Amino acid sequence: MPTILITGGTGLVGTALAPLLREKGHRVIILSRHTIPGNPDVFQWDYRKETIDPEAIRQADHIIHLAGAGVADKRWSAKRKQEIVDSRTKTAALLVKALKEIPNKVRSVISTSGVGWYGPDASIPSPQPFEETDPADGDFLGDTCRLWEAAITPVTGLGKRLVIFRVGPVLSTKGGMLAEFRKPVRMGVAPILGSGKQVFSWIHIDDLCRLYAEAIDRDDLSGVYNAAAPHPVDDRTLILALAKQFKGRYFVPVYVPSFLLKWLLGEMSVEVLKSTTVSVKKIRSAGFQFIYPSIDAALANLRG
């Protein structure tokens, strides 16, 4: 029974992924800042102190690296931006250091990045979606993703297979973008952000978890893959589809102007208003099949 070590295992993706891995016959252990008395599957680490329980590394056959402070959880102050970067790059560097120094049997590292790697679409709709070979954008999230990926890449020099998923906004009822949009929709308001034309390259939580699980099982997968649904949608389409699923005909579309978003969110508003269309041709060519390729199918499932 292979042992999968997950960092960030208590977050949105980790809590959905762990049960799937267990169903597939894997043992799941977690790295956390806090241990749970009596739970032998939770090990402690702290990237600020550069400490990690060596036993977690010794036991692992594969590592799934999800750790990172939530990009949209708080307003982007200088302190928060540094925390976003450090929680990704320093955790990755700590894993690399541990794999160098601690005898281990780890065969692969599956790491996370984001579609924030890419800049805005040249036009909307985009005639040429971003592919994995496109360079990182020079904005904050582009730089963050570039540093993030660079920090984990040295594991390849240690003989570990590396897969990096550039993940789009995750649709889940447990948190993330969908949970935030549902709040006003419950009150009958469908908030369309800015022009509503900006494209979101989203992914259903179940498909994302299946991607991580497949990367564990398949030695032929390596390198960078975009992790987004095959059919991205613009903000207006997403919000109206969400409102129809949860409120039927009883909602009012309301456009939230860009200047108000900039006032409310500060620099983070750039990402909310940015259109980013990514290609998933590479992962589909590798044989991965999405259960929820369309926004209607995804929302119908999440409506529950």
Foldseek 3Di string as FASTA:
>chain_A
DAEEEEEVLVDDLNVVQQVVCVVVPYHYAYEDCDDDPPDPRYWYDDLVVLDGDLVSQARHQEYEYDWFPDPQPDFDDVVVLVRRLCRQQSVLLSVVVSLVPRDHNHAAYEYEAALQQDAFAPDPVHPDADEPPDGGDPDSSNVSRVSNCVSNVCVVVVNHFYEYEHAWFEDACVDTDPVVQVVVLVVQEQEQEAPQRAKTQYAYSVLVSVVVVVPVVDPVDGDYFYHGAQDIDTRVVLSVLLSCLQPNPRHDYDYDHLVNLCVVRPPCSCVVPGHHGHHRVVVVVVPDDGPDRDSNSRSNVNSD
